[in-house]
Amino acid sequence: MDKEKRKPTKPTEKMNLSSDSPGISFHLLANEKWQPITIPAFSILLSLIAAAIVILLIGKNPLNAFLNLLQGSGILPKPSYAGYKGILTDFLSLLNAMTPLLFASLAVAVAFKAGLFNIGVSGMMLTAGFTATVAVGYSDLNSFLAKPVVLIIGIGAGAVMGAFVGWLKYRFNINEVVSTIMLNNIAQYVFGFFINAYIVDPVSRQSRYILDSSRLTLVNVEYGGLKMDIPLGFILAIAAAVFLKFFMDKTILGYEIKTVGANRNAAKYAGINVKKNIILAMVISGALAGLAGVTYYLGYFSSIQPKVLSSVGYDAIAVSLLGNSNPVGIVFSSLLISIISKGSTYMSSIAGIDQDIASVITGLILLFSACGEYIKFKIRRLNDRQLERKESEA
């Protein structure tokens, strides 16, 4: 009798498992080990689908639009190029724009790991850029001395400003969002005054252009019939991302910073010096923001517009969220946002799509990336239901 009862149940069980079992994509999303990669990738896919719908609604071909973005940013070749230009020049220009964004996003990520929200990256960038411009930008130092000094000044100026924010946070419990916003305004108008008073260019109404010897981008380098802009800071930015990944995952200090960010009371109970780690996190964040500043104002650009904060510091917050505050993820998320930003002009001219659509695409990517925790929650719910169903069938 038992055998007769079991015979019909075997095929039905098989059918239930095959029909109810989740697909490969679900298993990838449900694997917690790979979620720092799969969840942002899934969010980007959803955002691109949404962006394609928007482009269709304005009567354009989304595939052509995405192709033009890749061509304009130097990822894919264009049908034709102007003199001294090629895919290599476009790609190096992309890396040049990406370098300060990568540094700024890493700065935001370090603060996030410590449970802090550094919204003052733009102010730290301006402080570092102005200091390096005044100290080295117009000096007679040769390139071999000037460029390293610019980097050192950038690190130092940003670190001092970050340490001040960390000290205010711990000593007086001043919210870092408030203090960094105030410091942004102070930097914006104080340095704007000095630029207009002492180093303004009467034609451009910006600070005078710095000398090439102190610039962190080699401009119009001729090679193979091309004129290229080579970003010297890009290799340093990649090295910073690798070091930060190792520092956070493999060192005691990195573990302490993450513990403080997860629960300060528990960290204090465990004997971790909360004050030291809050200040240390902000010092590192400020140093990276300083590097973003010098690679932006003395690299990607060669002057400073007075009383204007760079949007890079604010974009970095979204890029860091998209990269899940993981240095490796941030490298790819900053590359993606830079591709959209750099390719928008070409997309507009070739496909006839307004450049603002590129901002819409970026906004959709960031909107869906902000839903990462919700996606994780839904995946856990689906996974629990699958387990409950299998247990009931068993």
Protein backbone atom coordinates (compact mmCIF):
# COMPACT_ATOMS: atom_id res chain seq x y z
CA MET A 1 0.00 0.00 0.00
CA ASP A 2 2.83 2.41 0.84
CA LYS A 3 4.45 1.81 -2.53
CA GLU A 4 1.15 2.44 -4.32
CA LYS A 5 0.73 5.71 -2.48
CA ARG A 6 4.24 6.86 -3.27
CA LYS A 7 4.12 6.12 -6.98
CA PRO A 8 1.76 8.94 -7.99
CA THR A 9 3.33 11.47 -5.65
CA LYS A 10 6.82 11.30 -7.19
CA PRO A 11 5.91 12.76 -10.59
CA THR A 12 3.70 15.45 -9.01
CA GLU A 13 6.51 16.49 -6.69
CA LYS A 14 8.81 16.71 -9.67
CA MET A 15 6.35 18.90 -11.54
CA ASN A 16 5.87 21.22 -8.56
CA LEU A 17 9.59 21.69 -8.12
CA SER A 18 10.14 22.46 -11.78
CA SER A 19 7.24 24.88 -12.01
CA ASP A 20 7.78 26.68 -8.69
CA SER A 21 11.57 26.69 -8.56
CA PRO A 22 13.03 30.17 -9.10
CA GLY A 23 15.14 30.92 -12.14
CA ILE A 24 18.88 31.40 -12.34
CA SER A 25 18.48 35.17 -12.08
CA PHE A 26 16.63 34.80 -8.78
CA HIS A 27 19.35 32.55 -7.36
CA LEU A 28 21.97 35.17 -8.29
CA LEU A 29 19.99 37.96 -6.63
CA ALA A 30 19.26 35.83 -3.56
CA ASN A 31 22.92 34.90 -3.02
CA GLU A 32 24.02 37.32 -0.28
CA LYS A 33 27.66 36.92 -1.25
CA TRP A 34 27.01 38.38 -4.70
CA GLN A 35 24.31 40.89 -3.75
CA PRO A 36 26.73 43.87 -3.62
CA ILE A 37 27.18 43.28 -7.37
CA THR A 38 23.90 41.75 -8.50
CA ILE A 39 21.52 44.18 -6.79
CA PRO A 40 23.12 47.35 -8.30
CA ALA A 41 23.35 45.59 -11.69
CA PHE A 42 19.66 44.67 -11.49
CA SER A 43 18.82 48.26 -10.48
CA ILE A 44 20.76 49.62 -13.45
CA LEU A 45 18.96 47.21 -15.79
CA LEU A 46 15.57 48.37 -14.50
CA SER A 47 16.61 52.02 -14.87
CA LEU A 48 17.77 51.50 -18.46
CA ILE A 49 14.43 49.88 -19.29
CA ALA A 50 12.66 52.87 -17.74
CA ALA A 51 14.95 55.26 -19.65
CA ALA A 52 14.20 53.40 -22.90
CA ILE A 53 10.48 53.92 -22.29
CA VAL A 54 11.07 57.65 -21.75
CA ILE A 55 13.05 57.91 -24.99
CA LEU A 56 10.33 56.00 -26.86
CA LEU A 57 7.73 58.43 -25.53
CA ILE A 58 9.56 61.37 -27.13
CA GLY A 59 9.63 59.49 -30.44
CA LYS A 60 13.29 58.43 -30.53
CA ASN A 61 15.03 55.08 -30.79
CA PRO A 62 16.46 54.11 -27.35
CA LEU A 63 19.00 51.69 -28.84
CA ASN A 64 20.45 54.45 -31.02
CA ALA A 65 20.47 56.81 -28.03
CA PHE A 66 22.41 54.35 -25.85
CA LEU A 67 24.77 53.66 -28.76
CA ASN A 68 25.42 57.40 -29.14
CA LEU A 69 26.17 57.68 -25.41
CA LEU A 70 28.81 54.97 -25.71
CA GLN A 71 30.26 56.55 -28.85
CA GLY A 72 30.38 60.04 -27.37
CA SER A 73 32.19 58.83 -24.26
CA GLY A 74 34.86 56.88 -26.13
CA ILE A 75 33.65 53.37 -25.33
CA LEU A 76 32.65 52.67 -28.95
CA PRO A 77 34.07 54.30 -32.10
CA LYS A 78 32.26 57.12 -33.88
CA PRO A 79 31.63 56.97 -37.64
CA SER A 80 34.07 59.88 -38.15
CA TYR A 81 36.40 62.13 -36.14
CA ALA A 82 37.75 65.66 -36.41
CA GLY A 83 41.45 66.33 -36.86
CA TYR A 84 43.78 64.95 -34.18
CA LYS A 85 40.82 63.16 -32.54
CA GLY A 86 39.95 59.48 -32.22
CA ILE A 87 38.34 56.96 -29.89
CA LEU A 88 41.45 57.07 -27.69
CA THR A 89 41.19 60.83 -27.16
CA ASP A 90 37.50 60.48 -26.24
CA PHE A 91 38.24 57.63 -23.83
CA LEU A 92 41.05 59.52 -22.10
CA SER A 93 38.74 62.53 -21.78
CA LEU A 94 36.23 60.20 -20.10
CA LEU A 95 38.87 59.02 -17.61
CA ASN A 96 39.87 62.63 -16.98
CA ALA A 97 36.29 63.52 -16.02
CA MET A 98 35.88 60.31 -14.03
CA THR A 99 38.97 60.81 -11.84
CA PRO A 100 37.65 63.54 -9.47
CA LEU A 101 34.25 61.81 -9.33
CA LEU A 102 35.91 58.55 -8.25
CA PHE A 103 37.93 60.27 -5.51
CA ALA A 104 34.85 62.16 -4.29
CA SER A 105 32.70 59.00 -4.24
CA LEU A 106 35.33 57.13 -2.23
CA ALA A 107 35.35 60.06 0.22
CA VAL A 108 31.59 59.74 0.69
CA ALA A 109 31.87 55.95 1.07
CA VAL A 110 34.42 56.15 3.90
CA ALA A 111 32.13 58.47 5.84
CA PHE A 112 29.18 56.15 5.16
CA LYS A 113 31.13 53.22 6.61
CA ALA A 114 31.58 55.18 9.85
CA GLY A 115 27.89 56.06 9.97
CA LEU A 116 28.55 59.65 8.85
CA PHE A 117 27.08 61.63 5.96
CA ASN A 118 29.76 63.81 4.39
CA ILE A 119 27.80 66.30 2.31
CA GLY A 120 30.74 68.71 2.39
CA VAL A 121 32.86 67.05 -0.30
CA SER A 122 32.35 69.99 -2.67
CA GLY A 123 33.61 72.43 -0.02
CA MET A 124 36.62 70.24 0.73
CA MET A 125 37.34 70.03 -3.00
CA LEU A 126 37.25 73.82 -3.31
CA THR A 127 39.45 74.28 -0.23
CA ALA A 128 42.07 71.88 -1.57
CA GLY A 129 41.87 73.26 -5.11
CA PHE A 130 42.18 76.89 -4.03
CA THR A 131 45.04 76.18 -1.62
CA ALA A 132 47.01 74.23 -4.22
CA THR A 133 46.30 76.86 -6.89
CA VAL A 134 47.62 79.72 -4.74
CA ALA A 135 50.58 77.79 -3.34
CA VAL A 136 51.79 75.99 -6.48
CA GLY A 137 49.62 76.84 -9.48
CA TYR A 138 51.54 79.98 -10.43
CA SER A 139 54.95 79.03 -9.02
CA ASP A 140 58.18 78.40 -10.92
CA LEU A 141 58.52 74.81 -9.69
CA ASN A 142 59.24 72.27 -12.41
CA SER A 143 56.75 69.52 -13.19
CA PHE A 144 58.58 66.83 -11.21
CA LEU A 145 58.24 68.88 -8.02
CA ALA A 146 55.04 70.82 -8.65
CA LYS A 147 52.72 67.87 -9.36
CA PRO A 148 53.59 65.85 -6.22
CA VAL A 149 53.35 69.03 -4.10
CA VAL A 150 49.87 69.69 -5.53
CA LEU A 151 48.78 66.18 -4.47
CA ILE A 152 50.29 66.60 -0.98
CA ILE A 153 48.57 69.96 -0.49
CA GLY A 154 45.28 68.46 -1.68
CA ILE A 155 45.53 65.57 0.78
CA GLY A 156 46.55 67.87 3.64
CA ALA A 157 43.91 70.57 3.09
CA GLY A 158 41.11 68.02 2.75
CA ALA A 159 42.28 65.99 5.75
CA VAL A 160 42.42 69.07 8.02
CA MET A 161 38.91 70.08 7.02
CA GLY A 162 37.66 66.51 7.53
CA ALA A 163 39.32 66.28 10.94
CA PHE A 164 37.61 69.51 11.99
CA VAL A 165 34.19 68.09 11.02
CA GLY A 166 34.95 64.85 12.90
CA TRP A 167 36.06 66.77 16.00
CA LEU A 168 32.90 68.89 15.97
CA LYS A 169 30.85 65.72 15.67
CA TYR A 170 32.38 63.96 18.64
CA ARG A 171 33.25 66.89 20.92
CA PHE A 172 30.02 68.89 20.60
CA ASN A 173 27.74 66.34 18.89
CA ILE A 174 27.24 68.75 15.99
CA ASN A 175 25.57 66.87 13.17
CA GLU A 176 28.08 66.46 10.33
CA VAL A 177 25.41 67.37 7.75
CA VAL A 178 24.93 70.78 9.37
CA SER A 179 28.64 71.46 9.86
CA THR A 180 29.61 70.41 6.32
CA ILE A 181 26.83 72.49 4.74
CA MET A 182 28.02 75.53 6.72
CA LEU A 183 31.64 74.86 5.72
CA ASN A 184 30.55 74.55 2.08
CA ASN A 185 29.06 78.04 2.23
CA ILE A 186 32.09 79.47 4.04
CA ALA A 187 34.49 77.99 1.47
CA GLN A 188 32.31 79.09 -1.44
CA TYR A 189 32.17 82.76 -0.50
CA VAL A 190 35.52 83.26 1.28
CA PHE A 191 37.54 81.74 -1.55
CA GLY A 192 35.28 83.46 -4.08
CA PHE A 193 36.19 86.80 -2.51
CA PHE A 194 39.94 86.08 -2.69
CA ILE A 195 39.69 84.91 -6.28
CA ASN A 196 37.84 88.06 -7.36
CA ALA A 197 40.17 90.28 -5.35
CA TYR A 198 43.57 88.84 -6.27
CA ILE A 199 43.75 86.17 -8.97
CA VAL A 200 40.74 86.77 -11.23
CA ASP A 201 41.13 86.74 -15.02
CA PRO A 202 39.39 89.88 -16.34
CA VAL A 203 38.25 88.10 -19.50
CA SER A 204 36.98 84.72 -18.21
CA ARG A 205 35.98 86.08 -14.76
CA GLN A 206 37.52 82.96 -13.25
CA SER A 207 40.86 82.49 -11.53
CA ARG A 208 43.85 82.83 -13.82
CA TYR A 209 44.81 79.59 -15.56
CA ILE A 210 47.49 77.66 -13.71
CA LEU A 211 50.78 76.73 -15.33
CA ASP A 212 51.01 73.39 -17.13
CA SER A 213 53.87 72.38 -14.83
CA SER A 214 51.49 72.13 -11.88
CA ARG A 215 48.52 70.67 -13.76
CA LEU A 216 47.64 67.04 -13.06
CA THR A 217 46.44 66.47 -16.63
CA LEU A 218 48.91 66.43 -19.50
CA VAL A 219 47.16 68.50 -22.18
CA ASN A 220 47.41 68.03 -25.97
CA VAL A 221 49.98 65.26 -25.84
CA GLU A 222 50.70 64.25 -29.44
CA TYR A 223 50.94 60.54 -30.20
CA GLY A 224 50.11 58.64 -33.36
CA GLY A 225 48.60 61.68 -35.03
CA LEU A 226 46.31 62.33 -32.05
CA LYS A 227 46.24 65.09 -29.42
CA MET A 228 45.27 63.63 -26.07
CA ASP A 229 44.63 64.79 -22.51
CA ILE A 230 46.22 62.27 -20.15
CA PRO A 231 44.86 62.27 -16.57
CA LEU A 232 47.78 61.53 -14.27
CA GLY A 233 45.48 61.20 -11.26
CA PHE A 234 43.47 58.29 -12.69
CA ILE A 235 46.02 55.62 -11.73
CA LEU A 236 46.18 57.13 -8.25
CA ALA A 237 42.37 57.01 -8.00
CA ILE A 238 42.29 53.31 -8.90
CA ALA A 239 45.10 52.66 -6.40
CA ALA A 240 43.11 54.53 -3.74
CA ALA A 241 40.06 52.33 -4.43
CA VAL A 242 42.15 49.15 -4.12
CA PHE A 243 43.82 50.37 -0.93
CA LEU A 244 40.49 51.41 0.58
CA LYS A 245 39.02 47.98 -0.16
CA PHE A 246 41.97 46.31 1.57
CA PHE A 247 41.92 48.80 4.45
CA MET A 248 38.22 48.32 5.21
CA ASP A 249 38.17 44.53 4.83
CA LYS A 250 41.57 43.40 6.08
CA THR A 251 42.81 45.81 8.75
CA ILE A 252 41.87 46.36 12.39
CA LEU A 253 41.32 50.08 11.86
CA GLY A 254 38.97 49.39 8.97
CA TYR A 255 37.03 46.89 11.07
CA GLU A 256 36.77 49.41 13.92
CA ILE A 257 35.47 52.14 11.59
CA LYS A 258 32.79 49.80 10.24
CA THR A 259 31.86 48.70 13.77
CA VAL A 260 31.48 52.30 14.89
CA GLY A 261 29.31 52.93 11.83
CA ALA A 262 27.13 49.90 12.58
CA ASN A 263 26.55 50.64 16.28
CA ARG A 264 28.50 53.20 18.29
CA ASN A 265 27.23 51.99 21.66
CA ALA A 266 28.21 48.40 20.91
CA ALA A 267 31.60 49.57 19.62
CA LYS A 268 32.19 51.57 22.81
CA TYR A 269 31.14 48.59 24.94
CA ALA A 270 33.63 46.42 23.02
CA GLY A 271 36.46 48.80 23.91
CA ILE A 272 36.75 50.57 20.55
CA ASN A 273 37.77 54.22 20.70
CA VAL A 274 34.75 55.85 19.05
CA LYS A 275 36.22 59.36 19.06
CA LYS A 276 39.41 58.25 17.33
CA ASN A 277 37.55 56.32 14.63
CA ILE A 278 35.04 59.09 13.88
CA ILE A 279 37.86 61.58 13.42
CA LEU A 280 39.98 59.05 11.48
CA ALA A 281 37.12 58.29 9.11
CA MET A 282 36.59 61.99 8.43
CA VAL A 283 40.33 62.55 7.96
CA ILE A 284 40.44 59.82 5.31
CA SER A 285 37.23 61.12 3.74
CA GLY A 286 38.61 64.66 3.68
CA ALA A 287 41.93 63.54 2.20
CA LEU A 288 40.13 61.76 -0.63
CA ALA A 289 37.91 64.81 -1.16
CA GLY A 290 41.06 66.94 -1.32
CA LEU A 291 42.44 64.67 -4.05
CA ALA A 292 39.14 65.06 -5.87
CA GLY A 293 39.58 68.83 -5.60
CA VAL A 294 43.10 69.02 -7.03
CA THR A 295 42.34 66.56 -9.85
CA TYR A 296 39.27 68.66 -10.69
CA TYR A 297 40.55 72.24 -10.38
CA LEU A 298 44.19 71.52 -11.30
CA GLY A 299 43.54 68.58 -13.60
CA TYR A 300 40.25 68.33 -15.46
CA PHE A 301 40.04 72.14 -15.36
CA SER A 302 42.86 74.63 -14.85
CA SER A 303 40.98 77.44 -13.09
CA ILE A 304 38.32 78.01 -10.44
CA GLN A 305 34.97 79.71 -10.98
CA PRO A 306 34.41 82.00 -7.97
CA LYS A 307 31.41 81.51 -5.67
CA VAL A 308 30.46 78.24 -7.38
CA LEU A 309 30.70 74.79 -5.83
CA SER A 310 31.34 71.83 -8.08
CA SER A 311 28.41 69.44 -8.52
CA VAL A 312 30.88 66.54 -8.38
CA GLY A 313 30.71 66.48 -4.59
CA TYR A 314 26.94 66.05 -4.66
CA ASP A 315 26.96 63.57 -7.55
CA ALA A 316 29.44 61.51 -5.52
CA ILE A 317 26.78 60.82 -2.88
CA ALA A 318 24.56 59.13 -5.45
CA VAL A 319 27.49 57.33 -7.09
CA SER A 320 28.58 55.95 -3.71
CA LEU A 321 25.05 54.70 -3.03
CA LEU A 322 24.92 53.10 -6.48
CA GLY A 323 28.23 51.35 -5.76
CA ASN A 324 26.88 50.12 -2.40
CA SER A 325 29.72 52.06 -0.67
CA ASN A 326 32.05 49.33 -1.93
CA PRO A 327 35.26 50.72 -3.51
CA VAL A 328 35.12 48.21 -6.37
CA GLY A 329 31.46 48.96 -7.02
CA ILE A 330 32.18 52.68 -6.89
CA VAL A 331 34.78 52.35 -9.67
CA PHE A 332 32.14 50.92 -12.00
CA SER A 333 29.32 53.21 -10.87
CA SER A 334 31.49 56.32 -11.37
CA LEU A 335 32.43 55.00 -14.82
CA LEU A 336 28.76 54.52 -15.71
CA ILE A 337 27.73 58.01 -14.59
CA SER A 338 30.74 59.53 -16.40
CA ILE A 339 29.80 57.69 -19.61
CA ILE A 340 26.29 59.16 -19.49
CA SER A 341 27.60 62.64 -18.68
CA LYS A 342 30.34 62.69 -21.35
CA GLY A 343 28.26 61.01 -24.03
CA SER A 344 25.23 63.27 -23.67
CA THR A 345 26.56 66.00 -26.00
CA TYR A 346 27.17 63.56 -28.84
CA MET A 347 23.81 61.87 -28.23
CA SER A 348 22.11 65.25 -28.44
CA SER A 349 23.81 66.24 -31.70
CA ILE A 350 23.41 62.90 -33.50
CA ALA A 351 20.12 61.49 -32.22
CA GLY A 352 18.43 64.85 -31.70
CA ILE A 353 17.71 64.06 -28.07
CA ASP A 354 17.96 66.88 -25.56
CA GLN A 355 20.97 66.66 -23.23
CA ASP A 356 18.59 66.81 -20.29
CA ILE A 357 17.53 63.25 -21.15
CA ALA A 358 21.00 62.17 -20.01
CA SER A 359 20.21 63.72 -16.64
CA VAL A 360 16.90 61.84 -16.65
CA ILE A 361 18.76 58.56 -17.29
CA THR A 362 21.19 59.33 -14.48
CA GLY A 363 18.31 60.20 -12.17
CA LEU A 364 16.50 56.94 -13.00
CA ILE A 365 19.66 54.94 -12.31
CA LEU A 366 20.06 56.60 -8.94
CA LEU A 367 16.35 56.27 -8.15
CA PHE A 368 16.37 52.52 -8.75
CA SER A 369 19.69 52.11 -6.95
CA ALA A 370 18.14 53.78 -3.91
CA CYS A 371 15.56 50.97 -3.94
CA GLY A 372 18.30 48.37 -3.36
CA GLU A 373 17.19 47.61 0.19
CA TYR A 374 13.59 47.20 -0.95
CA ILE A 375 14.72 44.78 -3.67
CA LYS A 376 16.65 42.79 -1.05
CA PHE A 377 13.53 42.71 1.15
CA LYS A 378 11.35 41.41 -1.70
CA ILE A 379 13.92 38.77 -2.58
CA ARG A 380 14.02 37.56 1.03
CA ARG A 381 10.21 37.38 1.06
CA LEU A 382 10.15 35.34 -2.14
CA ASN A 383 12.90 33.08 -0.86
CA ASP A 384 11.00 32.47 2.39
CA ARG A 385 7.85 31.61 0.45
CA GLN A 386 9.76 29.13 -1.68
CA LEU A 387 11.15 27.46 1.43
CA GLU A 388 7.73 27.33 3.09
CA ARG A 389 6.20 25.80 -0.05
CA LYS A 390 8.88 23.13 -0.26
CA GLU A 391 8.49 22.30 3.41
CA SER A 392 4.70 21.97 3.04
CA GLU A 393 5.11 19.74 -0.02
CA ALA A 394 7.63 17.57 1.80
